[in-house]
Amino acid sequence: MSKPTSLGHHCIVDFHDCDRGILDDAKQLEEYMIAAAKMAGVTILQVYFHQFAPQGISGTLIIAESHFNIHTWPEYGYAAADLFTCGDPSKINEAIEHLAQKIDCKRMEKQVLVRG
């Protein structure tokens, strides 16, 4: 069996100048990440979000296709996301745009690595 051209796409995203309240609301952020994953057409296996004191969140979605992670620094209006999937890369872009809108991101930087 020959190996495909790639085994997946790994998107590294920096969200700048975001809504600080949303970046410190674990429940809301979890809902947005789950919605983004559904937009990407991936299969969610497990969800875990942790609220730090005094602020900040780390969250992960384990998906059948790999993972979606986010880490926030509300004090800086910044979030870092790491989305890796063997699914349709165009759908990942839709998911990232959706997430950026929901967290009221003013500036975004994205890198895409083709894995495998």
PDB file of N, CA and C in Angstrom:
ATOM      1  N   MET A   1       0.848  -1.177   0.000  1.00  0.00           N
ATOM      2  CA  MET A   1       0.000   0.000   0.000  1.00  0.00           C
ATOM      3  C   MET A   1       0.895   1.242   0.000  1.00  0.00           C
ATOM      4  N   SER A   2       0.640   2.147  -0.913  1.00  0.00           N
ATOM      5  CA  SER A   2       1.455   3.369  -0.967  1.00  0.00           C
ATOM      6  C   SER A   2       0.894   4.425  -0.018  1.00  0.00           C
ATOM      7  N   LYS A   3       1.816   5.199   0.541  1.00  0.00           N
ATOM      8  CA  LYS A   3       1.450   6.256   1.487  1.00  0.00           C
ATOM      9  C   LYS A   3       0.846   7.426   0.721  1.00  0.00           C
ATOM     10  N   PRO A   4      -0.229   8.039   1.264  1.00  0.00           N
ATOM     11  CA  PRO A   4      -0.804   9.210   0.604  1.00  0.00           C
ATOM     12  C   PRO A   4       0.168  10.391   0.649  1.00  0.00           C
ATOM     13  N   THR A   5      -0.123  11.422  -0.125  1.00  0.00           N
ATOM     14  CA  THR A   5       0.716  12.616  -0.180  1.00  0.00           C
ATOM     15  C   THR A   5       0.925  13.217   1.199  1.00  0.00           C
ATOM     16  N   SER A   6      -0.125  13.225   2.016  1.00  0.00           N
ATOM     17  CA  SER A   6      -0.003  13.703   3.396  1.00  0.00           C
ATOM     18  C   SER A   6      -0.927  12.896   4.287  1.00  0.00           C
ATOM     19  N   LEU A   7      -0.585  12.873   5.564  1.00  0.00           N
ATOM     20  CA  LEU A   7      -1.415  12.158   6.531  1.00  0.00           C
ATOM     21  C   LEU A   7      -2.317  13.107   7.316  1.00  0.00           C
ATOM     22  N   GLY A   8      -2.058  14.400   7.212  1.00  0.00           N
ATOM     23  CA  GLY A   8      -2.899  15.355   7.912  1.00  0.00           C
ATOM     24  C   GLY A   8      -2.387  16.771   7.784  1.00  0.00           C
ATOM     25  N   HIS A   9      -3.212  17.687   8.258  1.00  0.00           N
ATOM     26  CA  HIS A   9      -2.868  19.105   8.277  1.00  0.00           C
ATOM     27  C   HIS A   9      -2.883  19.585   9.719  1.00  0.00           C
ATOM     28  N   HIS A  10      -1.832  20.298  10.078  1.00  0.00           N
ATOM     29  CA  HIS A  10      -1.662  20.783  11.446  1.00  0.00           C
ATOM     30  C   HIS A  10      -1.678  22.306  11.389  1.00  0.00           C
ATOM     31  N   CYS A  11      -2.724  22.900  11.905  1.00  0.00           N
ATOM     32  CA  CYS A  11      -2.877  24.356  11.893  1.00  0.00           C
ATOM     33  C   CYS A  11      -2.471  24.915  13.248  1.00  0.00           C
ATOM     34  N   ILE A  12      -1.547  25.852  13.217  1.00  0.00           N
ATOM     35  CA  ILE A  12      -1.093  26.559  14.411  1.00  0.00           C
ATOM     36  C   ILE A  12      -1.627  27.982  14.267  1.00  0.00           C
ATOM     37  N   VAL A  13      -2.445  28.416  15.225  1.00  0.00           N
ATOM     38  CA  VAL A  13      -3.116  29.709  15.082  1.00  0.00           C
ATOM     39  C   VAL A  13      -2.871  30.571  16.315  1.00  0.00           C
ATOM     40  N   ASP A  14      -2.499  31.828  16.072  1.00  0.00           N
ATOM     41  CA  ASP A  14      -2.371  32.837  17.122  1.00  0.00           C
ATOM     42  C   ASP A  14      -3.512  33.824  16.944  1.00  0.00           C
ATOM     43  N   PHE A  15      -4.339  33.938  17.963  1.00  0.00           N
ATOM     44  CA  PHE A  15      -5.451  34.888  17.964  1.00  0.00           C
ATOM     45  C   PHE A  15      -5.054  36.067  18.853  1.00  0.00           C
ATOM     46  N   HIS A  16      -5.002  37.258  18.283  1.00  0.00           N
ATOM     47  CA  HIS A  16      -4.597  38.455  19.022  1.00  0.00           C
ATOM     48  C   HIS A  16      -5.773  39.412  19.191  1.00  0.00           C
ATOM     49  N   ASP A  17      -5.702  40.220  20.246  1.00  0.00           N
ATOM     50  CA  ASP A  17      -6.689  41.278  20.495  1.00  0.00           C
ATOM     51  C   ASP A  17      -8.110  40.719  20.524  1.00  0.00           C
ATOM     52  N   CYS A  18      -8.290  39.693  21.343  1.00  0.00           N
ATOM     53  CA  CYS A  18      -9.589  39.024  21.478  1.00  0.00           C
ATOM     54  C   CYS A  18     -10.342  39.545  22.700  1.00  0.00           C
ATOM     55  N   ASP A  19     -11.600  39.157  22.787  1.00  0.00           N
ATOM     56  CA  ASP A  19     -12.438  39.509  23.933  1.00  0.00           C
ATOM     57  C   ASP A  19     -11.892  38.795  25.175  1.00  0.00           C
ATOM     58  N   ARG A  20     -11.417  39.563  26.127  1.00  0.00           N
ATOM     59  CA  ARG A  20     -10.785  38.991  27.320  1.00  0.00           C
ATOM     60  C   ARG A  20     -11.758  38.196  28.183  1.00  0.00           C
ATOM     61  N   GLY A  21     -13.004  38.617  28.214  1.00  0.00           N
ATOM     62  CA  GLY A  21     -14.009  37.896  28.991  1.00  0.00           C
ATOM     63  C   GLY A  21     -14.258  36.504  28.446  1.00  0.00           C
ATOM     64  N   ILE A  22     -14.356  36.400  27.134  1.00  0.00           N
ATOM     65  CA  ILE A  22     -14.576  35.088  26.511  1.00  0.00           C
ATOM     66  C   ILE A  22     -13.363  34.192  26.730  1.00  0.00           C
ATOM     67  N   LEU A  23     -12.167  34.766  26.640  1.00  0.00           N
ATOM     68  CA  LEU A  23     -10.943  33.964  26.819  1.00  0.00           C
ATOM     69  C   LEU A  23     -10.790  33.441  28.241  1.00  0.00           C
ATOM     70  N   ASP A  24     -11.605  33.946  29.161  1.00  0.00           N
ATOM     71  CA  ASP A  24     -11.540  33.475  30.547  1.00  0.00           C
ATOM     72  C   ASP A  24     -12.838  32.791  30.972  1.00  0.00           C
ATOM     73  N   ASP A  25     -13.657  32.386  30.007  1.00  0.00           N
ATOM     74  CA  ASP A  25     -14.933  31.713  30.272  1.00  0.00           C
ATOM     75  C   ASP A  25     -14.851  30.295  29.704  1.00  0.00           C
ATOM     76  N   ALA A  26     -14.473  29.343  30.545  1.00  0.00           N
ATOM     77  CA  ALA A  26     -14.230  27.972  30.093  1.00  0.00           C
ATOM     78  C   ALA A  26     -15.466  27.349  29.443  1.00  0.00           C
ATOM     79  N   LYS A  27     -16.625  27.577  30.007  1.00  0.00           N
ATOM     80  CA  LYS A  27     -17.854  26.981  29.461  1.00  0.00           C
ATOM     81  C   LYS A  27     -18.139  27.507  28.054  1.00  0.00           C
ATOM     82  N   GLN A  28     -18.042  28.825  27.895  1.00  0.00           N
ATOM     83  CA  GLN A  28     -18.308  29.436  26.593  1.00  0.00           C
ATOM     84  C   GLN A  28     -17.272  28.999  25.563  1.00  0.00           C
ATOM     85  N   LEU A  29     -16.009  29.015  25.953  1.00  0.00           N
ATOM     86  CA  LEU A  29     -14.936  28.619  25.051  1.00  0.00           C
ATOM     87  C   LEU A  29     -15.085  27.151  24.624  1.00  0.00           C
ATOM     88  N   GLU A  30     -15.472  26.312  25.563  1.00  0.00           N
ATOM     89  CA  GLU A  30     -15.705  24.900  25.235  1.00  0.00           C
ATOM     90  C   GLU A  30     -16.809  24.770  24.184  1.00  0.00           C
ATOM     91  N   GLU A  31     -17.893  25.518  24.365  1.00  0.00           N
ATOM     92  CA  GLU A  31     -18.990  25.481  23.383  1.00  0.00           C
ATOM     93  C   GLU A  31     -18.506  25.911  22.007  1.00  0.00           C
ATOM     94  N   TYR A  32     -17.690  26.969  21.951  1.00  0.00           N
ATOM     95  CA  TYR A  32     -17.176  27.459  20.671  1.00  0.00           C
ATOM     96  C   TYR A  32     -16.248  26.449  20.014  1.00  0.00           C
ATOM     97  N   MET A  33     -15.413  25.797  20.805  1.00  0.00           N
ATOM     98  CA  MET A  33     -14.501  24.796  20.249  1.00  0.00           C
ATOM     99  C   MET A  33     -15.268  23.581  19.725  1.00  0.00           C
ATOM    100  N   ILE A  34     -16.283  23.156  20.452  1.00  0.00           N
ATOM    101  CA  ILE A  34     -17.098  22.030  19.994  1.00  0.00           C
ATOM    102  C   ILE A  34     -17.817  22.392  18.693  1.00  0.00           C
ATOM    103  N   ALA A  35     -18.348  23.602  18.623  1.00  0.00           N
ATOM    104  CA  ALA A  35     -19.013  24.050  17.390  1.00  0.00           C
ATOM    105  C   ALA A  35     -18.023  24.086  16.233  1.00  0.00           C
ATOM    106  N   ALA A  36     -16.800  24.558  16.494  1.00  0.00           N
ATOM    107  CA  ALA A  36     -15.776  24.602  15.449  1.00  0.00           C
ATOM    108  C   ALA A  36     -15.431  23.191  14.969  1.00  0.00           C
ATOM    109  N   ALA A  37     -15.325  22.265  15.902  1.00  0.00           N
ATOM    110  CA  ALA A  37     -15.022  20.873  15.535  1.00  0.00           C
ATOM    111  C   ALA A  37     -16.140  20.278  14.677  1.00  0.00           C
ATOM    112  N   LYS A  38     -17.370  20.585  15.046  1.00  0.00           N
ATOM    113  CA  LYS A  38     -18.507  20.090  14.243  1.00  0.00           C
ATOM    114  C   LYS A  38     -18.470  20.694  12.848  1.00  0.00           C
ATOM    115  N   MET A  39     -18.095  21.971  12.742  1.00  0.00           N
ATOM    116  CA  MET A  39     -17.963  22.607  11.424  1.00  0.00           C
ATOM    117  C   MET A  39     -16.891  21.921  10.590  1.00  0.00           C
ATOM    118  N   ALA A  40     -15.835  21.463  11.247  1.00  0.00           N
ATOM    119  CA  ALA A  40     -14.742  20.788  10.549  1.00  0.00           C
ATOM    120  C   ALA A  40     -15.105  19.355  10.168  1.00  0.00           C
ATOM    121  N   GLY A  41     -16.239  18.875  10.662  1.00  0.00           N
ATOM    122  CA  GLY A  41     -16.688  17.533  10.314  1.00  0.00           C
ATOM    123  C   GLY A  41     -15.904  16.425  10.980  1.00  0.00           C
ATOM    124  N   VAL A  42     -15.329  16.730  12.151  1.00  0.00           N
ATOM    125  CA  VAL A  42     -14.544  15.713  12.854  1.00  0.00           C
ATOM    126  C   VAL A  42     -15.396  15.018  13.917  1.00  0.00           C
ATOM    127  N   THR A  43     -14.894  13.895  14.405  1.00  0.00           N
ATOM    128  CA  THR A  43     -15.599  13.097  15.407  1.00  0.00           C
ATOM    129  C   THR A  43     -14.990  13.344  16.775  1.00  0.00           C
ATOM    130  N   ILE A  44     -15.749  13.973  17.661  1.00  0.00           N
ATOM    131  CA  ILE A  44     -15.267  14.277  19.007  1.00  0.00           C
ATOM    132  C   ILE A  44     -15.361  13.034  19.877  1.00  0.00           C
ATOM    133  N   LEU A  45     -14.231  12.664  20.494  1.00  0.00           N
ATOM    134  CA  LEU A  45     -14.191  11.501  21.374  1.00  0.00           C
ATOM    135  C   LEU A  45     -14.200  11.910  22.847  1.00  0.00           C
ATOM    136  N   GLN A  46     -13.478  12.987  23.170  1.00  0.00           N
ATOM    137  CA  GLN A  46     -13.387  13.426  24.562  1.00  0.00           C
ATOM    138  C   GLN A  46     -13.090  14.919  24.608  1.00  0.00           C
ATOM    139  N   VAL A  47     -13.632  15.576  25.640  1.00  0.00           N
ATOM    140  CA  VAL A  47     -13.460  17.026  25.813  1.00  0.00           C
ATOM    141  C   VAL A  47     -12.969  17.287  27.229  1.00  0.00           C
ATOM    142  N   TYR A  48     -11.945  18.137  27.358  1.00  0.00           N
ATOM    143  CA  TYR A  48     -11.482  18.536  28.683  1.00  0.00           C
ATOM    144  C   TYR A  48     -11.022  19.988  28.637  1.00  0.00           C
ATOM    145  N   PHE A  49     -11.560  20.803  29.537  1.00  0.00           N
ATOM    146  CA  PHE A  49     -11.163  22.205  29.671  1.00  0.00           C
ATOM    147  C   PHE A  49     -10.806  22.466  31.125  1.00  0.00           C
ATOM    148  N   HIS A  50      -9.713  23.186  31.325  1.00  0.00           N
ATOM    149  CA  HIS A  50      -9.251  23.514  32.673  1.00  0.00           C
ATOM    150  C   HIS A  50      -9.172  25.025  32.826  1.00  0.00           C
ATOM    151  N   GLN A  51      -9.774  25.544  33.897  1.00  0.00           N
ATOM    152  CA  GLN A  51      -9.740  26.967  34.233  1.00  0.00           C
ATOM    153  C   GLN A  51      -8.614  27.200  35.223  1.00  0.00           C
ATOM    154  N   PHE A  52      -7.685  28.090  34.877  1.00  0.00           N
ATOM    155  CA  PHE A  52      -6.596  28.431  35.774  1.00  0.00           C
ATOM    156  C   PHE A  52      -6.983  29.601  36.659  1.00  0.00           C
ATOM    157  N   ALA A  53      -6.315  29.711  37.822  1.00  0.00           N
ATOM    158  CA  ALA A  53      -6.520  30.846  38.721  1.00  0.00           C
ATOM    159  C   ALA A  53      -5.229  31.650  38.723  1.00  0.00           C
ATOM    160  N   PRO A  54      -5.256  32.933  38.546  1.00  0.00           N
ATOM    161  CA  PRO A  54      -6.450  33.766  38.542  1.00  0.00           C
ATOM    162  C   PRO A  54      -7.159  33.835  37.194  1.00  0.00           C
ATOM    163  N   GLN A  55      -6.496  33.391  36.093  1.00  0.00           N
ATOM    164  CA  GLN A  55      -7.153  33.469  34.790  1.00  0.00           C
ATOM    165  C   GLN A  55      -6.473  32.553  33.797  1.00  0.00           C
ATOM    166  N   GLY A  56      -7.160  32.307  32.701  1.00  0.00           N
ATOM    167  CA  GLY A  56      -6.619  31.489  31.617  1.00  0.00           C
ATOM    168  C   GLY A  56      -7.259  30.120  31.548  1.00  0.00           C
ATOM    169  N   ILE A  57      -7.235  29.573  30.354  1.00  0.00           N
ATOM    170  CA  ILE A  57      -7.874  28.276  30.096  1.00  0.00           C
ATOM    171  C   ILE A  57      -6.980  27.459  29.179  1.00  0.00           C
ATOM    172  N   SER A  58      -6.922  26.167  29.442  1.00  0.00           N
ATOM    173  CA  SER A  58      -6.369  25.206  28.494  1.00  0.00           C
ATOM    174  C   SER A  58      -7.472  24.209  28.203  1.00  0.00           C
ATOM    175  N   GLY A  59      -7.708  23.973  26.927  1.00  0.00           N
ATOM    176  CA  GLY A  59      -8.769  23.046  26.556  1.00  0.00           C
ATOM    177  C   GLY A  59      -8.350  22.165  25.405  1.00  0.00           C
ATOM    178  N   THR A  60      -8.868  20.963  25.414  1.00  0.00           N
ATOM    179  CA  THR A  60      -8.553  20.032  24.337  1.00  0.00           C
ATOM    180  C   THR A  60      -9.776  19.216  23.949  1.00  0.00           C
ATOM    181  N   LEU A  61      -9.860  18.974  22.673  1.00  0.00           N
ATOM    182  CA  LEU A  61     -10.838  18.027  22.139  1.00  0.00           C
ATOM    183  C   LEU A  61     -10.023  16.902  21.522  1.00  0.00           C
ATOM    184  N   ILE A  62     -10.174  15.714  22.043  1.00  0.00           N
ATOM    185  CA  ILE A  62      -9.575  14.547  21.407  1.00  0.00           C
ATOM    186  C   ILE A  62     -10.583  14.127  20.344  1.00  0.00           C
ATOM    187  N   ILE A  63     -10.118  14.071  19.121  1.00  0.00           N
ATOM    188  CA  ILE A  63     -11.001  13.706  18.022  1.00  0.00           C
ATOM    189  C   ILE A  63     -10.465  12.445  17.356  1.00  0.00           C
ATOM    190  N   ALA A  64     -11.327  11.715  16.681  1.00  0.00           N
ATOM    191  CA  ALA A  64     -10.898  10.487  16.012  1.00  0.00           C
ATOM    192  C   ALA A  64      -9.799  10.786  14.995  1.00  0.00           C
ATOM    193  N   GLU A  65      -9.821  12.004  14.454  1.00  0.00           N
ATOM    194  CA  GLU A  65      -8.866  12.411  13.439  1.00  0.00           C
ATOM    195  C   GLU A  65      -7.588  13.030  14.021  1.00  0.00           C
ATOM    196  N   SER A  66      -7.515  13.298  15.314  1.00  0.00           N
ATOM    197  CA  SER A  66      -6.348  13.770  16.053  1.00  0.00           C
ATOM    198  C   SER A  66      -6.756  14.651  17.228  1.00  0.00           C
ATOM    199  N   HIS A  67      -6.543  16.011  17.146  1.00  0.00           N
ATOM    200  CA  HIS A  67      -6.881  16.856  18.293  1.00  0.00           C
ATOM    201  C   HIS A  67      -7.117  18.314  17.893  1.00  0.00           C
ATOM    202  N   PHE A  68      -7.882  19.013  18.734  1.00  0.00           N
ATOM    203  CA  PHE A  68      -8.057  20.464  18.675  1.00  0.00           C
ATOM    204  C   PHE A  68      -7.716  20.975  20.070  1.00  0.00           C
ATOM    205  N   ASN A  69      -6.737  21.874  20.192  1.00  0.00           N
ATOM    206  CA  ASN A  69      -6.345  22.428  21.496  1.00  0.00           C
ATOM    207  C   ASN A  69      -6.425  23.946  21.460  1.00  0.00           C
ATOM    208  N   ILE A  70      -6.663  24.538  22.637  1.00  0.00           N
ATOM    209  CA  ILE A  70      -6.606  25.989  22.772  1.00  0.00           C
ATOM    210  C   ILE A  70      -6.070  26.339  24.155  1.00  0.00           C
ATOM    211  N   HIS A  71      -5.283  27.407  24.202  1.00  0.00           N
ATOM    212  CA  HIS A  71      -4.727  27.914  25.463  1.00  0.00           C
ATOM    213  C   HIS A  71      -4.921  29.426  25.433  1.00  0.00           C
ATOM    214  N   THR A  72      -5.406  29.995  26.537  1.00  0.00           N
ATOM    215  CA  THR A  72      -5.699  31.431  26.539  1.00  0.00           C
ATOM    216  C   THR A  72      -4.920  32.186  27.607  1.00  0.00           C
ATOM    217  N   TRP A  73      -4.632  33.421  27.282  1.00  0.00           N
ATOM    218  CA  TRP A  73      -4.028  34.392  28.182  1.00  0.00           C
ATOM    219  C   TRP A  73      -4.931  35.629  28.137  1.00  0.00           C
ATOM    220  N   PRO A  74      -6.019  35.612  28.913  1.00  0.00           N
ATOM    221  CA  PRO A  74      -6.971  36.724  28.853  1.00  0.00           C
ATOM    222  C   PRO A  74      -6.343  38.079  29.157  1.00  0.00           C
ATOM    223  N   GLU A  75      -5.353  38.094  30.039  1.00  0.00           N
ATOM    224  CA  GLU A  75      -4.726  39.362  30.408  1.00  0.00           C
ATOM    225  C   GLU A  75      -4.052  40.038  29.216  1.00  0.00           C
ATOM    226  N   TYR A  76      -3.759  39.269  28.159  1.00  0.00           N
ATOM    227  CA  TYR A  76      -3.147  39.819  26.952  1.00  0.00           C
ATOM    228  C   TYR A  76      -4.099  39.806  25.756  1.00  0.00           C
ATOM    229  N   GLY A  77      -5.315  39.306  25.959  1.00  0.00           N
ATOM    230  CA  GLY A  77      -6.262  39.198  24.853  1.00  0.00           C
ATOM    231  C   GLY A  77      -5.785  38.218  23.791  1.00  0.00           C
ATOM    232  N   TYR A  78      -5.047  37.186  24.228  1.00  0.00           N
ATOM    233  CA  TYR A  78      -4.373  36.267  23.304  1.00  0.00           C
ATOM    234  C   TYR A  78      -4.796  34.816  23.546  1.00  0.00           C
ATOM    235  N   ALA A  79      -4.922  34.079  22.445  1.00  0.00           N
ATOM    236  CA  ALA A  79      -5.169  32.639  22.512  1.00  0.00           C
ATOM    237  C   ALA A  79      -4.315  31.947  21.457  1.00  0.00           C
ATOM    238  N   ALA A  80      -3.822  30.763  21.808  1.00  0.00           N
ATOM    239  CA  ALA A  80      -3.060  29.928  20.880  1.00  0.00           C
ATOM    240  C   ALA A  80      -3.852  28.653  20.642  1.00  0.00           C
ATOM    241  N   ALA A  81      -4.053  28.320  19.382  1.00  0.00           N
ATOM    242  CA  ALA A  81      -4.797  27.103  19.040  1.00  0.00           C
ATOM    243  C   ALA A  81      -3.926  26.202  18.176  1.00  0.00           C
ATOM    244  N   ASP A  82      -4.179  24.923  18.315  1.00  0.00           N
ATOM    245  CA  ASP A  82      -3.417  23.885  17.636  1.00  0.00           C
ATOM    246  C   ASP A  82      -4.451  22.866  17.155  1.00  0.00           C
ATOM    247  N   LEU A  83      -4.704  22.835  15.858  1.00  0.00           N
ATOM    248  CA  LEU A  83      -5.715  21.939  15.298  1.00  0.00           C
ATOM    249  C   LEU A  83      -5.049  20.997  14.306  1.00  0.00           C
ATOM    250  N   PHE A  84      -5.102  19.718  14.616  1.00  0.00           N
ATOM    251  CA  PHE A  84      -4.462  18.719  13.773  1.00  0.00           C
ATOM    252  C   PHE A  84      -5.510  17.693  13.386  1.00  0.00           C
ATOM    253  N   THR A  85      -5.653  17.472  12.083  1.00  0.00           N
ATOM    254  CA  THR A  85      -6.643  16.514  11.623  1.00  0.00           C
ATOM    255  C   THR A  85      -6.237  15.895  10.292  1.00  0.00           C
ATOM    256  N   CYS A  86      -6.695  14.697  10.086  1.00  0.00           N
ATOM    257  CA  CYS A  86      -6.523  14.064   8.783  1.00  0.00           C
ATOM    258  C   CYS A  86      -7.772  14.280   7.937  1.00  0.00           C
ATOM    259  N   GLY A  87      -8.673  15.145   8.424  1.00  0.00           N
ATOM    260  CA  GLY A  87      -9.899  15.475   7.694  1.00  0.00           C
ATOM    261  C   GLY A  87      -9.656  16.504   6.600  1.00  0.00           C
ATOM    262  N   ASP A  88     -10.737  17.025   6.063  1.00  0.00           N
ATOM    263  CA  ASP A  88     -10.721  17.994   4.970  1.00  0.00           C
ATOM    264  C   ASP A  88     -10.122  19.325   5.435  1.00  0.00           C
ATOM    265  N   PRO A  89      -8.967  19.747   4.876  1.00  0.00           N
ATOM    266  CA  PRO A  89      -8.328  20.985   5.340  1.00  0.00           C
ATOM    267  C   PRO A  89      -9.161  22.236   5.097  1.00  0.00           C
ATOM    268  N   SER A  90     -10.004  22.244   4.078  1.00  0.00           N
ATOM    269  CA  SER A  90     -10.836  23.427   3.844  1.00  0.00           C
ATOM    270  C   SER A  90     -11.850  23.605   4.966  1.00  0.00           C
ATOM    271  N   LYS A  91     -12.288  22.518   5.547  1.00  0.00           N
ATOM    272  CA  LYS A  91     -13.231  22.610   6.661  1.00  0.00           C
ATOM    273  C   LYS A  91     -12.540  23.103   7.934  1.00  0.00           C
ATOM    274  N   ILE A  92     -11.265  22.824   8.072  1.00  0.00           N
ATOM    275  CA  ILE A  92     -10.517  23.338   9.219  1.00  0.00           C
ATOM    276  C   ILE A  92     -10.480  24.865   9.152  1.00  0.00           C
ATOM    277  N   ASN A  93     -10.275  25.397   7.950  1.00  0.00           N
ATOM    278  CA  ASN A  93     -10.247  26.848   7.794  1.00  0.00           C
ATOM    279  C   ASN A  93     -11.577  27.480   8.201  1.00  0.00           C
ATOM    280  N   GLU A  94     -12.679  26.853   7.836  1.00  0.00           N
ATOM    281  CA  GLU A  94     -13.997  27.337   8.246  1.00  0.00           C
ATOM    282  C   GLU A  94     -14.112  27.328   9.771  1.00  0.00           C
ATOM    283  N   ALA A  95     -13.624  26.281  10.389  1.00  0.00           N
ATOM    284  CA  ALA A  95     -13.683  26.161  11.845  1.00  0.00           C
ATOM    285  C   ALA A  95     -12.851  27.248  12.517  1.00  0.00           C
ATOM    286  N   ILE A  96     -11.678  27.527  11.983  1.00  0.00           N
ATOM    287  CA  ILE A  96     -10.805  28.563  12.544  1.00  0.00           C
ATOM    288  C   ILE A  96     -11.458  29.939  12.409  1.00  0.00           C
ATOM    289  N   GLU A  97     -12.026  30.219  11.254  1.00  0.00           N
ATOM    290  CA  GLU A  97     -12.700  31.504  11.043  1.00  0.00           C
ATOM    291  C   GLU A  97     -13.878  31.662  12.002  1.00  0.00           C
ATOM    292  N   HIS A  98     -14.619  30.583  12.202  1.00  0.00           N
ATOM    293  CA  HIS A  98     -15.751  30.599  13.139  1.00  0.00           C
ATOM    294  C   HIS A  98     -15.263  30.914  14.555  1.00  0.00           C
ATOM    295  N   LEU A  99     -14.204  30.236  14.963  1.00  0.00           N
ATOM    296  CA  LEU A  99     -13.665  30.451  16.301  1.00  0.00           C
ATOM    297  C   LEU A  99     -13.165  31.890  16.463  1.00  0.00           C
ATOM    298  N   ALA A 100     -12.474  32.405  15.457  1.00  0.00           N
ATOM    299  CA  ALA A 100     -11.977  33.786  15.500  1.00  0.00           C
ATOM    300  C   ALA A 100     -13.124  34.769  15.688  1.00  0.00           C
ATOM    301  N   GLN A 101     -14.207  34.530  14.979  1.00  0.00           N
ATOM    302  CA  GLN A 101     -15.377  35.409  15.099  1.00  0.00           C
ATOM    303  C   GLN A 101     -15.967  35.325  16.506  1.00  0.00           C
ATOM    304  N   LYS A 102     -16.091  34.135  17.034  1.00  0.00           N
ATOM    305  CA  LYS A 102     -16.724  33.951  18.339  1.00  0.00           C
ATOM    306  C   LYS A 102     -15.923  34.551  19.487  1.00  0.00           C
ATOM    307  N   ILE A 103     -14.591  34.552  19.358  1.00  0.00           N
ATOM    308  CA  ILE A 103     -13.778  35.138  20.427  1.00  0.00           C
ATOM    309  C   ILE A 103     -13.439  36.602  20.138  1.00  0.00           C
ATOM    310  N   ASP A 104     -14.062  37.141  19.097  1.00  0.00           N
ATOM    311  CA  ASP A 104     -13.913  38.547  18.712  1.00  0.00           C
ATOM    312  C   ASP A 104     -12.445  38.894  18.458  1.00  0.00           C
ATOM    313  N   CYS A 105     -11.786  38.041  17.671  1.00  0.00           N
ATOM    314  CA  CYS A 105     -10.374  38.213  17.335  1.00  0.00           C
ATOM    315  C   CYS A 105     -10.216  39.346  16.320  1.00  0.00           C
ATOM    316  N   LYS A 106      -9.314  40.256  16.618  1.00  0.00           N
ATOM    317  CA  LYS A 106      -9.052  41.386  15.719  1.00  0.00           C
ATOM    318  C   LYS A 106      -7.901  41.095  14.745  1.00  0.00           C
ATOM    319  N   ARG A 107      -6.996  40.196  15.139  1.00  0.00           N
ATOM    320  CA  ARG A 107      -5.850  39.865  14.293  1.00  0.00           C
ATOM    321  C   ARG A 107      -5.472  38.408  14.511  1.00  0.00           C
ATOM    322  N   MET A 108      -5.266  37.698  13.407  1.00  0.00           N
ATOM    323  CA  MET A 108      -4.973  36.276  13.491  1.00  0.00           C
ATOM    324  C   MET A 108      -3.767  35.950  12.612  1.00  0.00           C
ATOM    325  N   GLU A 109      -2.918  35.069  13.115  1.00  0.00           N
ATOM    326  CA  GLU A 109      -1.788  34.540  12.348  1.00  0.00           C
ATOM    327  C   GLU A 109      -1.936  33.029  12.310  1.00  0.00           C
ATOM    328  N   LYS A 110      -1.788  32.456  11.113  1.00  0.00           N
ATOM    329  CA  LYS A 110      -2.001  31.016  10.972  1.00  0.00           C
ATOM    330  C   LYS A 110      -0.872  30.405  10.165  1.00  0.00           C
ATOM    331  N   GLN A 111      -0.421  29.251  10.633  1.00  0.00           N
ATOM    332  CA  GLN A 111       0.552  28.442   9.893  1.00  0.00           C
ATOM    333  C   GLN A 111      -0.084  27.076   9.679  1.00  0.00           C
ATOM    334  N   VAL A 112       0.147  26.506   8.509  1.00  0.00           N
ATOM    335  CA  VAL A 112      -0.369  25.170   8.229  1.00  0.00           C
ATOM    336  C   VAL A 112       0.811  24.277   7.863  1.00  0.00           C
ATOM    337  N   LEU A 113       0.944  23.203   8.608  1.00  0.00           N
ATOM    338  CA  LEU A 113       1.983  22.216   8.336  1.00  0.00           C
ATOM    339  C   LEU A 113       1.327  20.983   7.726  1.00  0.00           C
ATOM    340  N   VAL A 114       1.874  20.513   6.647  1.00  0.00           N
ATOM    341  CA  VAL A 114       1.402  19.259   6.058  1.00  0.00           C
ATOM    342  C   VAL A 114       2.205  18.163   6.706  1.00  0.00           C
ATOM    343  N   ARG A 115       1.529  17.246   7.391  1.00  0.00           N
ATOM    344  CA  ARG A 115       2.202  16.218   8.173  1.00  0.00           C
ATOM    345  C   ARG A 115       2.255  14.900   7.415  1.00  0.00           C
ATOM    346  N   GLY A 116       3.308  14.147   7.667  1.00  0.00           N
ATOM    347  CA  GLY A 116       3.443  12.805   7.104  1.00  0.00           C
ATOM    348  C   GLY A 116       4.063  12.830   5.745  1.00  0.00           C
TER     349      GLY A 116
END
